[in-house]
Amino acid sequence: MAKGTLKDIGEKVCKEWLGFLPTSNGTKPPHIANGLFRSATGETCKTQDVHEWIICEGKKDALTSEEIIQRYHEILERGEFEKPSNIKDLRFLLNEIFNQDNTTYTSYEFSVTTISSHWLVKGRVSSEANIGDFIFEILSKMIDGQRSPAIELLRTALANDTDDMTKLVKPIIAFPSDKEKRIVSKVEYPDDQDIRWDSCKDQIRSGFDQLAKNLVIVKESHNSLLVLRRLVNYAVFASLLYLVRANEAVYGGDRIPIVVDAGADLDSVKKASEQSFTSAKKAVEDYYVNAIGDVLAEEKLQNTNKACRTWINNMVFPADKEYEAKSAIISYYENFCTEGDSPKRALAKALQIALYTFEYKNNSPSDFCRVLGVRAGLVGPKGNRAKIKRYLVNSFTLETITLSAISEDDLKDGLELKELSEKLVDKYCMLIGADSETEYSILEKANIAQSTPGDLRGDLSINAQQLANTYIALGLGKRYADGVTLIGWRL
């Protein structure tokens, strides 16, 4: 590695330490779903035919509706005499349904669809960022002799191809009948001893297990499409959680709070939420510094100024970046040494900044917090104009996270909002405001409370009541005459 490149270092950290590649703005839930579903079923399908229909007429390289009629006349009611206008309307409908996240492009190689059954799971695409494999590894680990029940729940949901969505494209999938369109292989479970395990992965696994059990209780398990959406939603959230918490779980860094803003327009809560999201991005940078330190330790680099300078001089850079990148690393390194860091620590910090500057200029791992957060329905406001993001959870994601955090007994019997708050804090360090004193002290420790305007303690309580209203609207909460709100199912 001493003669390697910045890119080599970044890839080693992502692939061997973190477990996925947080460097693409293009990663969306269907990409993560495709990777997870493929791992869980051991199955891939050739979906080129469906892709041809979904790409609307008029887009570059798209087939015309007349060409569609020629190719697929055998499955059309009127055969070759079908009206092109009808085909055009159907293709528009299919695009609206199966391309909801804009992940179907004119190039089949990079495209995935909204997946409603195993027939729409395809081979690997680059935007998956290896997250599906990362999640499947967590689900596969044997705990108390069992893999996660979420795996079987996924398989059962994917096996159902009689839902209304899949029935729309089933004739296309099955045409022609003598053409084999899927490859089924044995599911490859990772060896337990090869899985890097830590406290955050353990919490994610516990969340998946609990979510799978609770989906049965609330009878969502009967709806295959809802099961798939729910588990993918949690997978995206879990990926964000690990990205933010890896430094704490692996290197003993600070625990970063997730301050959920219920949208009650409270300046103090808004500011606290913004700062907690900024802290999350900083935690990713700290993780990279520590992981790069591990890379250097693997190479048995001596903790001396001479050894570190030799290491820098032996690095390889692209010709057009060599002078600029090497000069920057040397400058960063010298500054950190001057500030009191050991040579090896100073080098790790310098390499982290150089990685972000030269390799991840437009999509850094810290920025990936925004990518995952927005697409999980946990971070907002949406859109590039909103430069400052915070934790603005939508109702579906709030429901998913809650179902992953409370037990079956809690769900059946109900628990008070303050008790729910305690569970969310314990599991995810997620603050909703229902236990304002405890949560305020967490924010003080994180140096967030000190710089928020107004009465943060009081506003946290108001924030919790707003979330309670959301739970009630979802059917997951009930407010009694004495003002107590219980969270549960069919209370």
Protein backbone atom coordinates (compact mmCIF):
# COMPACT_ATOMS: atom_id res chain seq x y z
CA MET A 1 0.00 0.00 0.00
CA ALA A 2 2.94 2.35 0.54
CA LYS A 3 3.24 2.56 -3.25
CA GLY A 4 -0.51 2.73 -3.72
CA THR A 5 -2.83 5.62 -4.37
CA LEU A 6 -5.37 7.61 -2.40
CA LYS A 7 -8.06 5.64 -4.22
CA ASP A 8 -6.54 2.36 -2.98
CA ILE A 9 -6.69 3.60 0.60
CA GLY A 10 -10.30 4.73 0.24
CA GLU A 11 -11.38 1.43 -1.30
CA LYS A 12 -9.66 -0.56 1.42
CA VAL A 13 -11.44 1.42 4.13
CA CYS A 14 -14.82 1.03 2.39
CA LYS A 15 -14.57 -2.63 1.43
CA GLU A 16 -12.61 -4.14 4.31
CA TRP A 17 -13.55 -1.91 7.25
CA LEU A 18 -16.87 -0.15 6.65
CA GLY A 19 -18.41 -2.81 4.41
CA PHE A 20 -20.01 -0.62 1.74
CA LEU A 21 -19.14 2.26 -0.59
CA PRO A 22 -20.59 5.58 0.62
CA THR A 23 -19.41 7.61 -2.34
CA SER A 24 -22.28 7.90 -4.84
CA ASN A 25 -25.08 10.45 -4.98
CA GLY A 26 -26.97 8.01 -7.20
CA THR A 27 -27.68 5.33 -4.58
CA LYS A 28 -31.44 4.98 -4.00
CA PRO A 29 -33.74 2.52 -2.20
CA PRO A 30 -34.35 0.34 -5.32
CA HIS A 31 -30.57 -0.13 -5.67
CA ILE A 32 -30.27 -1.23 -2.05
CA ALA A 33 -33.35 -3.44 -2.46
CA ASN A 34 -31.91 -5.10 -5.55
CA GLY A 35 -28.71 -6.07 -3.76
CA LEU A 36 -30.48 -7.26 -0.61
CA PHE A 37 -33.14 -9.25 -2.48
CA ARG A 38 -30.55 -10.88 -4.74
CA SER A 39 -28.53 -11.99 -1.70
CA ALA A 40 -31.61 -13.27 0.14
CA THR A 41 -32.97 -15.33 -2.76
CA GLY A 42 -29.83 -16.34 -4.63
CA GLU A 43 -31.76 -15.43 -7.77
CA THR A 44 -31.27 -12.98 -10.62
CA CYS A 45 -33.58 -12.35 -13.54
CA LYS A 46 -33.17 -10.95 -17.02
CA THR A 47 -35.49 -7.98 -17.05
CA GLN A 48 -34.56 -6.47 -20.44
CA ASP A 49 -38.08 -6.99 -21.81
CA VAL A 50 -39.72 -5.14 -18.92
CA HIS A 51 -37.06 -2.45 -19.27
CA GLU A 52 -38.00 -1.91 -22.93
CA TRP A 53 -41.62 -1.29 -21.97
CA ILE A 54 -40.85 0.99 -19.01
CA ILE A 55 -38.60 3.36 -20.99
CA CYS A 56 -41.17 5.72 -22.41
CA GLU A 57 -41.31 6.51 -26.09
CA GLY A 58 -39.38 9.62 -26.98
CA LYS A 59 -36.42 8.98 -24.70
CA LYS A 60 -33.03 8.35 -26.26
CA ASP A 61 -32.69 4.83 -27.73
CA ALA A 62 -36.20 3.89 -26.54
CA LEU A 63 -38.27 1.64 -28.77
CA THR A 64 -41.23 3.24 -30.48
CA SER A 65 -44.66 1.88 -29.66
CA GLU A 66 -44.84 0.47 -33.19
CA GLU A 67 -41.63 -1.48 -32.52
CA ILE A 68 -43.07 -2.73 -29.22
CA ILE A 69 -46.12 -4.03 -31.09
CA GLN A 70 -43.91 -5.82 -33.59
CA ARG A 71 -41.82 -7.51 -30.88
CA TYR A 72 -44.61 -8.39 -28.48
CA HIS A 73 -47.69 -8.81 -30.68
CA GLU A 74 -48.20 -12.36 -29.41
CA ILE A 75 -49.12 -11.12 -25.91
CA LEU A 76 -51.33 -8.27 -27.09
CA GLU A 77 -55.10 -8.72 -27.22
CA ARG A 78 -55.32 -7.33 -30.77
CA GLY A 79 -51.89 -8.59 -31.81
CA GLU A 80 -50.29 -6.66 -34.66
CA PHE A 81 -53.43 -4.54 -34.96
CA GLU A 82 -53.08 -2.99 -31.48
CA LYS A 83 -53.22 0.82 -31.50
CA PRO A 84 -49.82 2.45 -30.85
CA SER A 85 -51.56 5.10 -28.74
CA ASN A 86 -52.79 2.38 -26.33
CA ILE A 87 -49.28 0.98 -26.02
CA LYS A 88 -47.91 4.45 -25.40
CA ASP A 89 -50.41 5.01 -22.58
CA LEU A 90 -49.58 1.64 -21.00
CA ARG A 91 -45.86 2.35 -21.14
CA PHE A 92 -46.42 5.68 -19.39
CA LEU A 93 -48.37 3.85 -16.66
CA LEU A 94 -45.62 1.23 -16.23
CA ASN A 95 -43.02 3.97 -15.94
CA GLU A 96 -45.06 5.72 -13.25
CA ILE A 97 -45.34 2.48 -11.25
CA PHE A 98 -41.96 0.81 -11.73
CA ASN A 99 -39.74 3.88 -11.99
CA GLN A 100 -40.93 5.83 -8.97
CA ASP A 101 -37.39 6.65 -7.81
CA ASN A 102 -36.05 7.42 -11.30
CA THR A 103 -33.69 4.44 -11.29
CA THR A 104 -34.62 3.14 -14.74
CA TYR A 105 -32.41 4.69 -17.39
CA THR A 106 -32.17 4.18 -21.12
CA SER A 107 -29.13 1.98 -20.43
CA TYR A 108 -30.30 -1.38 -19.08
CA GLU A 109 -26.90 -2.05 -17.52
CA PHE A 110 -27.34 0.67 -14.88
CA SER A 111 -31.11 0.36 -14.37
CA VAL A 112 -33.23 -1.16 -11.62
CA THR A 113 -36.97 -0.97 -11.16
CA THR A 114 -39.30 -0.68 -8.22
CA ILE A 115 -39.23 -4.36 -7.22
CA SER A 116 -42.53 -6.07 -6.44
CA SER A 117 -41.44 -9.73 -6.74
CA HIS A 118 -38.42 -11.94 -7.43
CA TRP A 119 -39.05 -11.57 -11.18
CA LEU A 120 -37.70 -8.02 -11.09
CA VAL A 121 -34.45 -8.71 -9.18
CA LYS A 122 -31.51 -8.34 -11.53
CA GLY A 123 -27.72 -8.58 -11.43
CA ARG A 124 -25.48 -6.15 -9.61
CA VAL A 125 -25.43 -2.48 -10.61
CA SER A 126 -22.80 0.02 -9.46
CA SER A 127 -25.19 2.28 -7.55
CA GLU A 128 -25.97 -0.51 -5.08
CA ALA A 129 -22.80 0.60 -3.26
CA ASN A 130 -22.60 -2.91 -1.77
CA ILE A 131 -25.19 -1.91 0.85
CA GLY A 132 -27.51 -4.85 0.11
CA ASP A 133 -24.64 -7.28 0.75
CA PHE A 134 -23.72 -5.37 3.93
CA ILE A 135 -27.27 -5.66 5.29
CA PHE A 136 -27.58 -9.33 4.28
CA GLU A 137 -24.36 -10.11 6.13
CA ILE A 138 -25.86 -8.65 9.32
CA LEU A 139 -29.07 -10.66 8.81
CA SER A 140 -27.09 -13.85 8.12
CA LYS A 141 -25.03 -13.95 11.31
CA MET A 142 -26.05 -16.82 13.57
CA ILE A 143 -27.31 -15.41 16.88
CA ASP A 144 -28.61 -17.95 19.40
CA GLY A 145 -28.38 -20.47 16.56
CA GLN A 146 -30.66 -18.50 14.25
CA ARG A 147 -30.38 -16.16 11.28
CA SER A 148 -32.73 -13.18 11.19
CA PRO A 149 -36.43 -13.95 10.62
CA ALA A 150 -36.38 -10.96 8.24
CA ILE A 151 -34.70 -13.18 5.61
CA GLU A 152 -37.59 -15.61 5.42
CA LEU A 153 -40.09 -12.75 5.52
CA LEU A 154 -38.33 -11.22 2.51
CA ARG A 155 -38.30 -14.49 0.58
CA THR A 156 -41.97 -15.12 1.20
CA ALA A 157 -42.88 -11.60 0.07
CA LEU A 158 -40.72 -11.86 -3.07
CA ALA A 159 -42.17 -15.27 -3.96
CA ASN A 160 -45.64 -13.74 -4.22
CA ASP A 161 -46.09 -12.72 -7.86
CA THR A 162 -49.87 -12.42 -7.79
CA ASP A 163 -49.94 -8.84 -6.51
CA ASP A 164 -51.46 -6.20 -8.78
CA MET A 165 -48.10 -4.63 -9.63
CA THR A 166 -46.42 -7.84 -10.77
CA LYS A 167 -49.51 -8.95 -12.70
CA LEU A 168 -49.17 -5.85 -14.86
CA VAL A 169 -45.81 -7.01 -16.23
CA LYS A 170 -46.16 -10.79 -15.84
CA PRO A 171 -47.12 -11.32 -19.52
CA ILE A 172 -43.95 -9.45 -20.53
CA ILE A 173 -41.83 -11.45 -18.09
CA ALA A 174 -43.24 -14.76 -19.34
CA PHE A 175 -42.75 -13.96 -23.05
CA PRO A 176 -41.60 -15.97 -24.88
CA SER A 177 -42.50 -19.01 -22.80
CA ASP A 178 -39.49 -21.05 -23.91
CA LYS A 179 -36.97 -18.39 -22.87
CA GLU A 180 -35.37 -18.90 -19.46
CA LYS A 181 -35.20 -15.52 -17.78
CA ARG A 182 -33.81 -16.30 -14.37
CA ILE A 183 -30.73 -17.81 -12.82
CA VAL A 184 -31.24 -19.55 -9.48
CA SER A 185 -28.23 -20.45 -7.38
CA LYS A 186 -27.64 -21.45 -3.79
CA VAL A 187 -27.85 -18.61 -1.27
CA GLU A 188 -24.32 -17.82 -0.12
CA TYR A 189 -24.22 -17.09 3.59
CA PRO A 190 -21.02 -15.44 4.82
CA ASP A 191 -18.98 -17.37 7.37
CA ASP A 192 -19.65 -16.04 10.87
CA GLN A 193 -15.94 -15.83 11.58
CA ASP A 194 -15.49 -13.55 8.56
CA ILE A 195 -18.11 -11.04 9.72
CA ARG A 196 -16.73 -8.00 11.50
CA TRP A 197 -19.16 -7.54 14.38
CA ASP A 198 -19.70 -4.60 16.71
CA SER A 199 -22.35 -3.06 18.95
CA CYS A 200 -24.00 -1.04 16.16
CA LYS A 201 -24.37 -4.05 13.88
CA ASP A 202 -25.85 -5.91 16.85
CA GLN A 203 -28.43 -3.13 17.29
CA ILE A 204 -29.26 -3.16 13.59
CA ARG A 205 -29.73 -6.92 13.66
CA SER A 206 -31.93 -6.65 16.73
CA GLY A 207 -33.98 -3.99 14.94
CA PHE A 208 -34.52 -6.18 11.88
CA ASP A 209 -35.51 -9.15 14.04
CA GLN A 210 -37.97 -7.07 16.07
CA LEU A 211 -39.42 -5.42 12.99
CA ALA A 212 -40.01 -8.81 11.35
CA LYS A 213 -41.86 -10.07 14.45
CA ASN A 214 -43.96 -6.92 14.79
CA LEU A 215 -44.96 -6.94 11.12
CA VAL A 216 -46.68 -10.25 11.83
CA ILE A 217 -48.55 -8.78 14.82
CA VAL A 218 -49.82 -5.74 12.91
CA LYS A 219 -50.70 -8.08 10.01
CA GLU A 220 -48.53 -6.25 7.48
CA SER A 221 -46.89 -9.61 6.76
CA HIS A 222 -50.01 -10.49 4.71
CA ASN A 223 -49.19 -7.68 2.28
CA SER A 224 -46.05 -8.63 0.34
CA LEU A 225 -45.58 -5.18 -1.19
CA LEU A 226 -45.78 -3.50 2.22
CA VAL A 227 -43.31 -6.00 3.71
CA LEU A 228 -40.78 -5.25 0.97
CA ARG A 229 -41.21 -1.51 1.36
CA ARG A 230 -40.95 -1.69 5.14
CA LEU A 231 -37.80 -3.81 5.22
CA VAL A 232 -36.07 -1.74 2.55
CA ASN A 233 -36.99 1.43 4.43
CA TYR A 234 -35.34 0.04 7.56
CA ALA A 235 -32.32 -1.14 5.52
CA VAL A 236 -31.71 2.41 4.28
CA PHE A 237 -32.08 3.79 7.82
CA ALA A 238 -29.76 1.06 9.18
CA SER A 239 -27.10 1.96 6.61
CA LEU A 240 -27.23 5.60 7.71
CA LEU A 241 -27.14 4.55 11.37
CA TYR A 242 -24.03 2.46 10.83
CA LEU A 243 -22.27 5.16 8.84
CA VAL A 244 -22.88 7.61 11.69
CA ARG A 245 -22.28 5.21 14.58
CA ALA A 246 -19.34 3.16 13.25
CA ASN A 247 -16.78 5.46 14.85
CA GLU A 248 -18.45 5.00 18.23
CA ALA A 249 -18.98 1.25 17.83
CA VAL A 250 -15.54 0.38 16.47
CA TYR A 251 -13.25 3.08 17.87
CA GLY A 252 -15.03 4.27 21.01
CA GLY A 253 -15.88 7.70 19.62
CA ASP A 254 -18.63 9.99 20.88
CA ARG A 255 -22.22 8.82 20.66
CA ILE A 256 -23.99 11.07 18.17
CA PRO A 257 -27.64 11.95 18.97
CA ILE A 258 -30.37 11.94 16.33
CA VAL A 259 -32.68 14.85 17.21
CA VAL A 260 -36.00 14.28 15.46
CA ASP A 261 -37.77 17.49 14.51
CA ALA A 262 -41.53 16.83 14.43
CA GLY A 263 -42.10 19.88 12.25
CA ALA A 264 -43.67 22.06 14.94
CA ASP A 265 -41.57 25.07 13.81
CA LEU A 266 -39.61 25.32 17.06
CA ASP A 267 -36.34 27.18 16.51
CA SER A 268 -34.50 25.46 19.36
CA VAL A 269 -35.42 21.97 18.18
CA LYS A 270 -34.68 22.90 14.59
CA LYS A 271 -31.22 24.15 15.55
CA ALA A 272 -30.49 21.14 17.74
CA SER A 273 -31.53 18.80 14.93
CA GLU A 274 -29.33 20.64 12.42
CA GLN A 275 -26.36 20.44 14.75
CA SER A 276 -26.88 16.75 15.45
CA PHE A 277 -26.91 16.06 11.71
CA THR A 278 -23.71 18.10 11.28
CA SER A 279 -22.15 16.08 14.12
CA ALA A 280 -23.11 12.90 12.29
CA LYS A 281 -21.15 13.98 9.23
CA LYS A 282 -18.16 14.87 11.42
CA ALA A 283 -18.34 11.39 12.99
CA VAL A 284 -17.92 9.88 9.52
CA GLU A 285 -14.75 11.92 9.01
CA ASP A 286 -13.45 10.73 12.40
CA TYR A 287 -14.19 7.14 11.40
CA TYR A 288 -12.16 7.54 8.23
CA VAL A 289 -9.21 8.93 10.16
CA ASN A 290 -9.29 5.95 12.53
CA ALA A 291 -9.78 3.41 9.75
CA ILE A 292 -6.89 4.89 7.75
CA GLY A 293 -4.86 4.56 10.95
CA ASP A 294 -5.69 0.84 10.88
CA VAL A 295 -4.53 0.63 7.26
CA LEU A 296 -1.22 2.21 8.26
CA ALA A 297 -0.94 -0.14 11.25
CA GLU A 298 -1.43 -3.14 8.98
CA GLU A 299 1.62 -2.02 7.05
CA LYS A 300 3.60 -1.84 10.28
CA LEU A 301 4.42 1.79 9.60
CA GLN A 302 6.69 3.12 12.35
CA ASN A 303 5.38 6.07 14.32
CA THR A 304 8.25 8.35 13.37
CA ASN A 305 8.48 11.48 11.27
CA LYS A 306 11.05 9.90 8.97
CA ALA A 307 8.93 6.78 8.31
CA CYS A 308 5.79 8.83 7.59
CA ARG A 309 7.57 11.20 5.22
CA THR A 310 9.07 8.24 3.36
CA TRP A 311 5.60 6.72 3.13
CA ILE A 312 4.22 9.91 1.56
CA ASN A 313 7.11 10.12 -0.92
CA ASN A 314 6.47 6.51 -2.00
CA MET A 315 2.80 7.15 -2.80
CA VAL A 316 1.66 7.07 -6.43
CA PHE A 317 -0.53 9.86 -7.84
CA PRO A 318 -2.07 10.51 -11.25
CA ALA A 319 0.28 12.68 -13.29
CA ASP A 320 -2.14 15.63 -13.34
CA LYS A 321 -2.58 15.57 -9.54
CA GLU A 322 0.83 14.47 -8.29
CA TYR A 323 2.28 17.83 -7.33
CA GLU A 324 -0.95 19.27 -5.92
CA ALA A 325 -2.00 16.17 -3.98
CA LYS A 326 1.43 15.33 -2.58
CA SER A 327 2.04 18.95 -1.57
CA ALA A 328 -1.35 19.07 0.15
CA ILE A 329 -0.70 15.86 2.11
CA ILE A 330 2.72 17.11 3.24
CA SER A 331 1.22 20.44 4.31
CA TYR A 332 -1.65 18.81 6.23
CA TYR A 333 0.76 16.38 7.82
CA GLU A 334 3.11 19.09 9.03
CA ASN A 335 0.24 21.15 10.44
CA PHE A 336 -1.15 18.22 12.44
CA CYS A 337 2.32 17.39 13.77
CA THR A 338 2.70 21.02 14.84
CA GLU A 339 -0.65 20.78 16.66
CA GLY A 340 0.69 17.88 18.73
CA ASP A 341 -0.49 14.74 16.91
CA SER A 342 1.87 11.79 16.68
CA PRO A 343 3.39 11.30 13.20
CA LYS A 344 1.16 8.33 12.33
CA ARG A 345 -1.99 10.08 13.59
CA ALA A 346 -1.04 13.23 11.68
CA LEU A 347 -0.59 11.18 8.52
CA ALA A 348 -3.98 9.49 8.94
CA LYS A 349 -5.66 12.89 9.31
CA ALA A 350 -3.80 14.28 6.31
CA LEU A 351 -4.80 11.33 4.14
CA GLN A 352 -8.45 11.67 5.19
CA ILE A 353 -8.55 15.30 4.10
CA ALA A 354 -6.75 14.45 0.86
CA LEU A 355 -9.23 11.65 0.14
CA TYR A 356 -12.15 14.01 0.58
CA THR A 357 -10.43 16.72 -1.47
CA PHE A 358 -9.14 14.73 -4.44
CA GLU A 359 -11.12 11.46 -4.57
CA TYR A 360 -14.49 12.33 -3.03
CA LYS A 361 -14.73 15.93 -4.16
CA ASN A 362 -18.40 15.79 -5.20
CA ASN A 363 -19.70 12.85 -3.15
CA SER A 364 -17.85 12.30 0.09
CA PRO A 365 -18.78 9.66 2.69
CA SER A 366 -19.94 12.50 4.95
CA ASP A 367 -22.27 13.76 2.20
CA PHE A 368 -23.59 10.21 1.91
CA CYS A 369 -25.36 10.85 5.22
CA ARG A 370 -27.59 13.23 3.28
CA VAL A 371 -28.10 10.73 0.46
CA LEU A 372 -29.19 7.95 2.81
CA GLY A 373 -31.04 10.23 5.21
CA VAL A 374 -33.19 11.91 2.58
CA ARG A 375 -33.97 8.59 0.87
CA ALA A 376 -34.79 6.92 4.16
CA GLY A 377 -37.33 9.65 4.89
CA LEU A 378 -35.39 10.79 7.95
CA VAL A 379 -33.53 13.88 6.73
CA GLY A 380 -34.88 17.05 5.16
CA PRO A 381 -35.85 19.44 3.80
CA LYS A 382 -35.56 17.80 0.40
CA GLY A 383 -33.95 19.52 -2.54
CA ASN A 384 -30.54 21.02 -3.19
CA ARG A 385 -31.70 24.52 -2.25
CA ALA A 386 -32.01 23.46 1.38
CA LYS A 387 -28.29 23.43 2.18
CA ILE A 388 -28.75 22.93 5.91
CA LYS A 389 -30.41 19.59 6.64
CA ARG A 390 -31.90 18.19 9.82
CA TYR A 391 -33.77 15.12 10.97
CA LEU A 392 -37.31 15.62 9.61
CA VAL A 393 -38.81 12.16 9.77
CA ASN A 394 -41.81 11.21 7.61
CA SER A 395 -44.64 9.16 9.10
CA PHE A 396 -43.76 5.89 7.33
CA THR A 397 -40.15 5.96 8.52
CA LEU A 398 -41.21 6.96 12.04
CA GLU A 399 -43.54 3.96 12.08
CA THR A 400 -40.81 1.64 10.76
CA ILE A 401 -38.23 2.76 13.33
CA THR A 402 -40.79 2.45 16.13
CA LEU A 403 -41.74 -1.09 15.08
CA SER A 404 -38.05 -2.00 15.15
CA ALA A 405 -37.54 -0.65 18.68
CA ILE A 406 -40.48 -1.92 20.75
CA SER A 407 -41.21 -5.48 21.82
CA GLU A 408 -44.24 -7.56 20.90
CA ASP A 409 -45.62 -7.05 24.43
CA ASP A 410 -45.12 -3.28 24.15
CA LEU A 411 -46.99 -3.30 20.87
CA LYS A 412 -49.91 -5.30 22.24
CA ASP A 413 -50.19 -3.69 25.69
CA GLY A 414 -49.04 -0.19 24.81
CA LEU A 415 -46.34 1.95 26.42
CA GLU A 416 -46.23 5.59 27.40
CA LEU A 417 -44.51 8.10 25.17
CA LYS A 418 -41.74 8.58 27.76
CA GLU A 419 -41.07 4.84 27.79
CA LEU A 420 -40.87 4.84 24.00
CA SER A 421 -38.42 7.73 24.22
CA GLU A 422 -36.22 5.70 26.57
CA LYS A 423 -36.17 2.79 24.13
CA LEU A 424 -35.33 5.00 21.14
CA VAL A 425 -32.53 6.69 23.10
CA ASP A 426 -31.12 3.36 24.26
CA LYS A 427 -31.25 1.74 20.83
CA TYR A 428 -30.53 4.55 18.39
CA CYS A 429 -29.69 7.60 20.55
CA MET A 430 -32.79 9.04 18.89
CA LEU A 431 -34.33 11.97 20.73
CA ILE A 432 -38.04 12.75 20.30
CA GLY A 433 -38.47 15.04 23.34
CA ALA A 434 -40.69 12.92 25.58
CA ASP A 435 -38.04 12.68 28.31
CA SER A 436 -36.81 16.25 28.06
CA GLU A 437 -34.47 16.25 31.08
CA THR A 438 -32.59 13.13 29.99
CA GLU A 439 -32.48 14.23 26.37
CA TYR A 440 -31.33 17.73 27.27
CA SER A 441 -28.42 16.27 29.23
CA ILE A 442 -27.46 14.16 26.20
CA LEU A 443 -27.45 17.29 24.06
CA GLU A 444 -25.39 19.13 26.67
CA LYS A 445 -22.80 16.35 26.63
CA ALA A 446 -22.71 16.57 22.82
CA ASN A 447 -22.17 20.38 23.04
CA ILE A 448 -25.43 21.00 21.18
CA ALA A 449 -27.76 22.34 23.89
CA GLN A 450 -25.43 25.23 24.71
CA SER A 451 -25.84 26.90 21.33
CA THR A 452 -29.59 26.50 20.75
CA PRO A 453 -31.90 29.50 21.06
CA GLY A 454 -34.90 29.72 23.38
CA ASP A 455 -36.20 27.14 25.84
CA LEU A 456 -34.91 23.84 24.45
CA ARG A 457 -36.22 21.78 27.39
CA GLY A 458 -39.75 23.11 26.97
CA ASP A 459 -39.65 22.88 23.20
CA LEU A 460 -38.55 19.24 23.34
CA SER A 461 -41.77 18.44 25.20
CA ILE A 462 -43.84 20.29 22.59
CA ASN A 463 -41.97 18.39 19.89
CA ALA A 464 -42.90 15.10 21.57
CA GLN A 465 -46.59 16.02 21.60
CA GLN A 466 -46.45 16.76 17.89
CA LEU A 467 -44.96 13.31 17.30
CA ALA A 468 -47.65 11.83 19.54
CA ASN A 469 -50.24 13.33 17.19
CA THR A 470 -48.49 11.61 14.29
CA TYR A 471 -48.59 8.25 16.10
CA ILE A 472 -52.31 8.71 16.77
CA ALA A 473 -52.94 9.52 13.10
CA LEU A 474 -51.04 6.36 12.12
CA GLY A 475 -53.18 4.23 14.41
CA LEU A 476 -50.16 3.50 16.60
CA GLY A 477 -51.20 5.75 19.47
CA LYS A 478 -54.13 6.68 21.66
CA ARG A 479 -54.57 9.71 23.91
CA TYR A 480 -56.69 9.21 27.01
CA ALA A 481 -58.78 11.72 28.95
CA ASP A 482 -56.04 12.27 31.52
CA GLY A 483 -53.70 13.42 28.73
CA VAL A 484 -51.55 10.28 28.71
CA THR A 485 -50.62 8.99 25.25
CA LEU A 486 -49.99 5.28 24.82
CA ILE A 487 -48.11 3.88 21.82
CA GLY A 488 -49.20 0.48 20.59
CA TRP A 489 -51.42 -1.37 18.14
CA ARG A 490 -55.21 -1.37 18.34
CA LEU A 491 -55.28 0.10 21.83
